[in-house]
N, C-alpha and C. Protein backbone atom coordinates (compact mmCIF):
# COMPACT_ATOMS: atom_id res chain seq x y z
N MET A 1 14.38 -7.13 -26.65
CA MET A 1 13.13 -6.43 -27.39
C MET A 1 11.79 -7.18 -27.01
N ASP A 2 10.91 -5.93 -26.60
CA ASP A 2 9.95 -6.13 -25.97
C ASP A 2 9.22 -7.40 -26.72
N GLU A 3 9.13 -7.39 -28.04
CA GLU A 3 8.42 -8.58 -28.79
C GLU A 3 8.80 -9.97 -28.57
N GLU A 4 9.89 -10.33 -27.85
CA GLU A 4 10.95 -11.63 -27.34
C GLU A 4 10.33 -11.95 -26.22
N PHE A 5 9.80 -11.04 -25.24
CA PHE A 5 9.51 -11.37 -23.90
C PHE A 5 8.71 -12.67 -23.72
N SER A 6 7.74 -12.91 -24.59
CA SER A 6 6.95 -14.21 -24.39
C SER A 6 7.84 -15.30 -24.63
N HIS A 7 8.33 -15.25 -25.53
CA HIS A 7 9.11 -16.62 -25.90
C HIS A 7 10.44 -16.83 -25.08
N VAL A 8 11.19 -15.70 -24.45
CA VAL A 8 12.17 -15.67 -23.62
C VAL A 8 11.66 -16.21 -22.25
N PHE A 9 10.64 -15.43 -21.60
CA PHE A 9 10.01 -15.77 -20.26
C PHE A 9 9.48 -17.59 -20.29
N THR A 10 8.96 -17.77 -21.21
CA THR A 10 8.26 -19.02 -21.31
C THR A 10 9.15 -20.01 -21.64
N ASP A 11 10.08 -19.72 -22.63
CA ASP A 11 11.43 -20.55 -22.23
C ASP A 11 12.23 -21.04 -20.93
N LYS A 12 12.35 -19.79 -20.21
CA LYS A 12 13.04 -19.62 -19.08
C LYS A 12 12.44 -20.49 -18.05
N ALA A 13 11.11 -20.63 -18.06
CA ALA A 13 10.22 -21.18 -16.97
C ALA A 13 10.06 -22.66 -17.25
N ILE A 14 10.02 -23.05 -18.97
CA ILE A 14 9.76 -24.62 -18.91
C ILE A 14 11.33 -25.00 -18.77
N GLU A 15 12.40 -24.40 -18.86
CA GLU A 15 13.70 -25.22 -18.85
C GLU A 15 13.43 -25.04 -17.17
N TRP A 16 13.14 -24.24 -16.16
CA TRP A 16 13.27 -24.29 -14.76
C TRP A 16 12.69 -25.44 -14.50
N ILE A 17 11.37 -25.45 -15.18
CA ILE A 17 10.37 -26.90 -14.59
C ILE A 17 11.05 -27.92 -14.95
N GLU A 18 11.68 -28.29 -16.10
CA GLU A 18 12.31 -29.46 -16.33
C GLU A 18 13.20 -29.63 -15.27
N ALA A 19 14.20 -28.35 -14.77
CA ALA A 19 15.21 -28.81 -14.03
C ALA A 19 14.84 -29.16 -12.43
N ASN A 20 13.37 -28.72 -12.17
CA ASN A 20 13.26 -29.15 -10.89
C ASN A 20 11.97 -29.86 -10.71
N GLN A 21 11.53 -30.81 -11.65
CA GLN A 21 10.68 -31.37 -11.41
C GLN A 21 10.84 -32.67 -10.80
N GLU A 22 11.60 -33.01 -9.87
CA GLU A 22 11.76 -34.06 -9.11
C GLU A 22 11.52 -33.60 -7.76
N GLU A 23 11.41 -32.37 -7.45
CA GLU A 23 10.93 -32.14 -5.84
C GLU A 23 9.50 -31.04 -6.16
N PRO A 24 8.99 -30.78 -5.01
CA PRO A 24 7.67 -29.75 -5.24
C PRO A 24 8.33 -28.68 -5.67
N PHE A 25 7.79 -27.83 -6.37
CA PHE A 25 8.17 -26.55 -6.35
C PHE A 25 7.22 -25.61 -6.74
N MET A 26 7.50 -24.29 -6.54
CA MET A 26 6.45 -22.89 -6.79
C MET A 26 7.13 -21.86 -7.92
N LEU A 27 6.44 -22.10 -8.92
CA LEU A 27 6.89 -21.06 -9.81
C LEU A 27 6.04 -19.89 -10.19
N PHE A 28 6.39 -18.77 -9.82
CA PHE A 28 5.85 -17.61 -10.23
C PHE A 28 6.04 -16.88 -11.49
N PHE A 29 5.12 -17.04 -12.30
CA PHE A 29 5.22 -16.62 -13.59
C PHE A 29 4.05 -15.00 -14.05
N PRO A 30 4.53 -14.05 -13.86
CA PRO A 30 4.06 -12.91 -13.87
C PRO A 30 3.88 -12.64 -15.51
N PHE A 31 2.92 -11.99 -15.94
CA PHE A 31 2.66 -11.84 -17.33
C PHE A 31 3.17 -10.07 -17.51
N HIS A 32 3.96 -9.83 -18.48
CA HIS A 32 4.31 -8.54 -18.89
C HIS A 32 3.52 -7.99 -19.88
N ASP A 33 3.06 -9.11 -20.57
CA ASP A 33 2.41 -8.88 -22.13
C ASP A 33 0.72 -7.74 -22.03
N ILE A 34 -0.09 -8.02 -20.72
CA ILE A 34 -0.83 -6.95 -20.78
C ILE A 34 -0.88 -5.90 -20.28
N HIS A 35 0.42 -5.50 -19.83
CA HIS A 35 0.95 -4.18 -19.18
C HIS A 35 1.48 -3.38 -20.25
N VAL A 36 1.30 -1.94 -20.39
CA VAL A 36 1.87 -1.26 -21.13
C VAL A 36 3.46 -1.14 -20.99
N PRO A 37 4.34 -1.15 -22.40
CA PRO A 37 3.56 -1.06 -23.48
C PRO A 37 3.25 -2.53 -24.04
N ARG A 38 2.17 -2.41 -24.53
CA ARG A 38 1.57 -3.81 -25.45
C ARG A 38 2.26 -4.13 -26.72
N VAL A 39 3.27 -4.65 -26.74
CA VAL A 39 3.90 -5.14 -27.91
C VAL A 39 3.95 -6.58 -28.10
N PRO A 40 2.83 -7.34 -28.60
CA PRO A 40 2.83 -8.62 -28.70
C PRO A 40 4.01 -9.05 -29.82
N ASN A 41 4.32 -10.39 -29.85
CA ASN A 41 5.19 -10.71 -30.81
C ASN A 41 4.21 -10.94 -32.09
N LYS A 42 5.38 -10.66 -33.27
CA LYS A 42 4.66 -10.58 -34.26
C LYS A 42 3.71 -11.76 -34.92
N MET A 43 3.94 -12.85 -34.51
CA MET A 43 3.17 -14.37 -34.54
C MET A 43 1.73 -13.91 -33.81
N PHE A 44 1.75 -13.03 -32.99
CA PHE A 44 0.18 -12.41 -32.35
C PHE A 44 -0.23 -11.34 -32.97
N GLN A 45 0.32 -10.81 -33.44
CA GLN A 45 -0.11 -9.27 -34.21
C GLN A 45 -1.16 -9.57 -35.08
N GLY A 46 -2.51 -8.97 -34.60
CA GLY A 46 -3.62 -8.93 -35.55
C GLY A 46 -4.60 -10.36 -35.46
N LYS A 47 -3.92 -10.96 -34.45
CA LYS A 47 -4.73 -12.64 -34.22
C LYS A 47 -5.93 -12.01 -33.84
N SER A 48 -6.46 -10.99 -33.32
CA SER A 48 -7.62 -10.77 -32.40
C SER A 48 -8.29 -9.55 -32.80
N SER A 49 -9.85 -9.35 -32.46
CA SER A 49 -10.27 -8.04 -32.89
C SER A 49 -10.39 -7.28 -31.96
N MET A 50 -9.45 -7.24 -31.19
CA MET A 50 -9.45 -6.39 -29.88
C MET A 50 -8.11 -5.78 -30.00
N GLY A 51 -7.15 -5.22 -31.10
CA GLY A 51 -6.02 -4.70 -31.35
C GLY A 51 -5.15 -5.06 -30.52
N PRO A 52 -4.39 -4.41 -30.20
CA PRO A 52 -2.85 -4.71 -29.13
C PRO A 52 -3.48 -5.52 -27.95
N ARG A 53 -4.33 -4.80 -27.38
CA ARG A 53 -4.87 -5.54 -26.24
C ARG A 53 -5.32 -6.92 -26.13
N GLY A 54 -5.93 -7.27 -27.44
CA GLY A 54 -6.70 -8.34 -27.64
C GLY A 54 -5.47 -9.66 -28.32
N ASP A 55 -4.39 -8.71 -28.94
CA ASP A 55 -3.22 -9.53 -29.29
C ASP A 55 -2.68 -10.21 -28.37
N ALA A 56 -2.20 -9.20 -26.99
CA ALA A 56 -1.44 -9.64 -25.86
C ALA A 56 -2.02 -10.42 -25.04
N ILE A 57 -3.44 -10.76 -25.09
CA ILE A 57 -4.14 -11.81 -24.49
C ILE A 57 -4.05 -12.91 -25.14
N VAL A 58 -4.13 -13.03 -26.36
CA VAL A 58 -3.77 -14.09 -26.95
C VAL A 58 -2.51 -14.86 -27.02
N GLN A 59 -1.70 -13.90 -27.30
CA GLN A 59 -0.30 -14.17 -26.46
C GLN A 59 0.12 -14.98 -25.40
N MET A 60 -0.67 -13.98 -24.22
CA MET A 60 -0.76 -14.50 -22.69
C MET A 60 -1.05 -16.23 -22.74
N ASP A 61 -2.34 -16.21 -23.43
CA ASP A 61 -3.14 -17.53 -23.33
C ASP A 61 -2.02 -18.68 -24.05
N TRP A 62 -1.14 -18.38 -25.16
CA TRP A 62 -0.36 -18.96 -25.84
C TRP A 62 0.84 -19.37 -24.59
N MET A 63 1.47 -18.49 -24.17
CA MET A 63 2.67 -19.07 -23.10
C MET A 63 1.80 -19.78 -22.04
N THR A 64 0.61 -19.39 -21.36
CA THR A 64 0.07 -20.51 -20.09
C THR A 64 -0.11 -21.81 -20.80
N GLY A 65 -0.53 -22.29 -22.38
CA GLY A 65 -0.81 -23.11 -22.71
C GLY A 65 0.72 -24.20 -23.05
N ARG A 66 1.75 -23.33 -23.19
CA ARG A 66 2.84 -24.01 -23.27
C ARG A 66 3.39 -24.52 -22.13
N ILE A 67 3.20 -23.81 -20.83
CA ILE A 67 3.55 -24.30 -19.63
C ILE A 67 2.39 -25.26 -19.19
N ILE A 68 1.57 -25.10 -19.55
CA ILE A 68 0.54 -26.45 -19.32
C ILE A 68 0.79 -27.87 -19.80
N ASN A 69 1.37 -27.64 -21.14
CA ASN A 69 1.64 -28.66 -22.15
C ASN A 69 3.00 -29.11 -21.25
N LYS A 70 3.55 -28.33 -20.93
CA LYS A 70 5.06 -28.70 -20.36
C LYS A 70 4.80 -29.55 -19.07
N LEU A 71 4.05 -29.27 -18.19
CA LEU A 71 3.47 -29.95 -17.13
C LEU A 71 2.83 -31.37 -17.52
N LYS A 72 2.00 -31.43 -18.51
CA LYS A 72 1.29 -32.59 -18.87
C LYS A 72 2.23 -33.53 -19.22
N SER A 73 3.41 -33.19 -20.08
CA SER A 73 4.19 -33.98 -20.86
C SER A 73 5.25 -34.66 -19.72
N LEU A 74 5.28 -33.96 -18.57
CA LEU A 74 6.34 -34.32 -17.48
C LEU A 74 5.24 -35.18 -16.52
N GLY A 75 4.30 -35.47 -16.73
CA GLY A 75 3.36 -36.19 -15.63
C GLY A 75 3.22 -35.36 -14.62
N LEU A 76 3.51 -33.93 -14.42
CA LEU A 76 3.21 -33.13 -13.37
C LEU A 76 1.81 -32.46 -13.19
N TYR A 77 1.09 -32.57 -14.36
CA TYR A 77 0.03 -31.61 -14.31
C TYR A 77 -1.22 -32.15 -13.21
N ASP A 78 -1.36 -33.20 -13.14
CA ASP A 78 -2.22 -33.94 -12.20
C ASP A 78 -2.30 -33.34 -10.96
N ASN A 79 -1.12 -33.35 -10.51
CA ASN A 79 -0.59 -33.25 -9.13
C ASN A 79 -0.15 -31.37 -8.96
N THR A 80 -0.70 -30.49 -9.62
CA THR A 80 -0.08 -29.14 -9.66
C THR A 80 -1.29 -28.35 -9.77
N LEU A 81 -1.21 -27.09 -8.97
CA LEU A 81 -2.21 -26.34 -8.58
C LEU A 81 -1.79 -24.92 -9.41
N ILE A 82 -2.64 -24.62 -10.29
CA ILE A 82 -2.55 -23.60 -10.93
C ILE A 82 -3.38 -22.29 -10.60
N ILE A 83 -2.77 -21.35 -10.25
CA ILE A 83 -3.40 -19.90 -10.00
C ILE A 83 -3.35 -18.97 -10.96
N PHE A 84 -4.30 -18.50 -11.25
CA PHE A 84 -4.28 -17.36 -12.50
C PHE A 84 -4.62 -16.40 -11.83
N SER A 85 -4.39 -15.04 -12.04
CA SER A 85 -5.06 -13.97 -11.25
C SER A 85 -4.95 -12.56 -12.01
N SER A 86 -5.25 -11.83 -11.56
CA SER A 86 -5.01 -10.55 -12.35
C SER A 86 -4.81 -9.09 -11.32
N ASP A 87 -4.07 -8.29 -11.42
CA ASP A 87 -3.81 -7.47 -10.66
C ASP A 87 -4.67 -6.36 -10.46
N ASN A 88 -5.18 -5.86 -11.37
CA ASN A 88 -5.87 -4.66 -11.63
C ASN A 88 -7.63 -5.05 -12.17
N GLY A 89 -7.78 -6.11 -12.72
CA GLY A 89 -9.05 -6.59 -13.04
C GLY A 89 -9.05 -6.14 -14.95
N PRO A 90 -10.11 -5.89 -15.30
CA PRO A 90 -10.34 -5.66 -16.75
C PRO A 90 -10.27 -4.18 -16.65
N VAL A 91 -9.33 -3.42 -16.82
CA VAL A 91 -9.76 -1.88 -16.95
C VAL A 91 -9.29 -1.97 -18.40
N LEU A 92 -10.12 -1.43 -18.99
CA LEU A 92 -9.79 -1.12 -20.27
C LEU A 92 -9.32 0.16 -20.51
N ASP A 93 -9.79 1.42 -20.29
CA ASP A 93 -9.45 2.97 -20.30
C ASP A 93 -8.06 2.89 -19.30
N ASP A 94 -6.71 2.64 -19.57
CA ASP A 94 -5.84 2.74 -18.49
C ASP A 94 -4.81 3.96 -19.29
N GLY A 95 -5.33 4.69 -20.21
CA GLY A 95 -4.24 5.82 -20.82
C GLY A 95 -3.51 5.14 -21.79
N TYR A 96 -3.75 4.04 -22.29
CA TYR A 96 -2.84 3.68 -23.27
C TYR A 96 -3.68 3.77 -24.92
N ALA A 97 -3.11 4.29 -25.69
CA ALA A 97 -4.38 4.40 -27.03
C ALA A 97 -3.87 3.17 -27.75
N ASP A 98 -4.90 1.85 -27.33
CA ASP A 98 -5.13 0.62 -28.10
C ASP A 98 -6.23 0.41 -28.42
N GLN A 99 -7.05 1.60 -28.33
CA GLN A 99 -8.49 1.17 -28.56
C GLN A 99 -9.46 0.06 -28.04
N ALA A 100 -8.75 -0.30 -26.91
CA ALA A 100 -9.52 -1.17 -26.00
C ALA A 100 -11.02 -0.85 -25.92
N VAL A 101 -11.35 0.45 -25.57
CA VAL A 101 -12.81 0.93 -25.27
C VAL A 101 -13.54 0.80 -26.53
N GLU A 102 -12.95 1.50 -27.86
CA GLU A 102 -13.68 1.50 -28.85
C GLU A 102 -14.07 0.01 -29.50
N LEU A 103 -13.12 -0.94 -29.02
CA LEU A 103 -13.18 -2.62 -29.88
C LEU A 103 -13.97 -3.00 -28.55
N VAL A 104 -14.21 -2.72 -27.64
CA VAL A 104 -14.70 -4.06 -26.89
C VAL A 104 -16.01 -4.55 -27.36
N GLY A 105 -17.07 -3.68 -27.88
CA GLY A 105 -18.46 -4.01 -28.44
C GLY A 105 -19.27 -3.89 -27.34
N GLU A 106 -19.95 -5.32 -27.23
CA GLU A 106 -20.68 -5.81 -26.15
C GLU A 106 -19.96 -6.68 -25.04
N HIS A 107 -18.81 -6.94 -25.16
CA HIS A 107 -18.06 -7.94 -24.25
C HIS A 107 -18.27 -7.17 -23.09
N ASP A 108 -18.37 -7.86 -22.12
CA ASP A 108 -18.14 -7.20 -20.70
C ASP A 108 -16.77 -8.08 -19.93
N PRO A 109 -15.75 -7.40 -19.56
CA PRO A 109 -14.63 -8.25 -19.67
C PRO A 109 -14.62 -8.65 -18.30
N SER A 110 -15.18 -8.10 -17.41
CA SER A 110 -15.66 -8.10 -16.00
C SER A 110 -16.79 -9.09 -15.40
N GLY A 111 -17.25 -9.35 -16.79
CA GLY A 111 -18.63 -10.22 -16.09
C GLY A 111 -19.40 -10.08 -15.15
N ILE A 112 -19.75 -10.60 -14.03
CA ILE A 112 -20.32 -10.33 -12.81
C ILE A 112 -19.84 -9.55 -11.88
N TYR A 113 -18.39 -9.66 -12.24
CA TYR A 113 -17.87 -8.93 -10.99
C TYR A 113 -17.28 -7.40 -11.21
N ARG A 114 -17.15 -6.73 -10.25
CA ARG A 114 -16.80 -5.42 -10.80
C ARG A 114 -15.58 -5.33 -10.89
N GLY A 115 -14.47 -5.11 -9.96
CA GLY A 115 -13.18 -5.19 -10.31
C GLY A 115 -12.67 -4.44 -10.31
N GLY A 116 -11.14 -4.01 -11.04
CA GLY A 116 -10.49 -2.80 -11.32
C GLY A 116 -9.74 -2.39 -10.21
N SER A 117 -8.74 -1.54 -10.62
CA SER A 117 -7.94 -0.84 -9.55
C SER A 117 -8.78 0.44 -8.81
N THR A 118 -9.99 0.50 -9.55
CA THR A 118 -10.81 1.85 -8.84
C THR A 118 -11.56 1.20 -7.61
N VAL A 119 -11.63 0.15 -7.17
CA VAL A 119 -12.66 -0.41 -6.11
C VAL A 119 -11.79 0.06 -4.83
N HIS A 120 -12.61 0.52 -3.87
CA HIS A 120 -12.27 0.82 -2.70
C HIS A 120 -12.79 -0.07 -1.51
N MET A 121 -11.60 -0.39 -1.30
CA MET A 121 -11.67 -1.49 0.33
C MET A 121 -11.71 -0.59 1.48
N LYS A 122 -12.78 -1.31 2.30
CA LYS A 122 -12.92 -0.93 3.57
C LYS A 122 -11.84 -1.12 4.18
N GLN A 123 -11.12 -0.25 4.92
CA GLN A 123 -9.86 -0.71 5.95
C GLN A 123 -10.15 -0.50 7.33
N GLU A 124 -10.16 -1.68 8.12
CA GLU A 124 -10.58 -1.55 9.40
C GLU A 124 -9.17 -1.81 10.25
N HIS A 125 -9.13 -1.37 11.39
CA HIS A 125 -8.15 -1.16 12.19
C HIS A 125 -8.49 -1.95 13.53
N VAL A 126 -7.58 -2.86 13.74
CA VAL A 126 -8.12 -3.82 14.95
C VAL A 126 -6.77 -3.67 15.85
N PHE A 127 -6.98 -2.96 17.21
CA PHE A 127 -6.34 -2.93 18.18
C PHE A 127 -6.20 -4.06 19.03
N LEU A 128 -5.08 -4.63 19.75
CA LEU A 128 -5.21 -5.68 20.66
C LEU A 128 -4.52 -5.30 22.00
């Protein structure tokens, strides 16, 4: 069930960290939560003022916190590089009826950055 992804994925990541803690490792831990369908676990539903999208972000924060806490408890945190990134930036209107545009209020999720999948990158060809 979609609602259980957060627990299953995080538990598997923690198990993997525990099993591989003696050697340097890289763990790629992508989040399904913020992509459609946004179906946060029941423990996160209604926890934000931003509807399903906000609840999914709260759930994503919880997942990240569990992994960071595990790294700390194993003594690995101080020697770990954590890269947290977004694939499309803060796109609010992605065609999913989650009221993200209506509920955003005065919050600017991109801050000073433009972001989003609508950014056009200049492509240059270099011939050798």
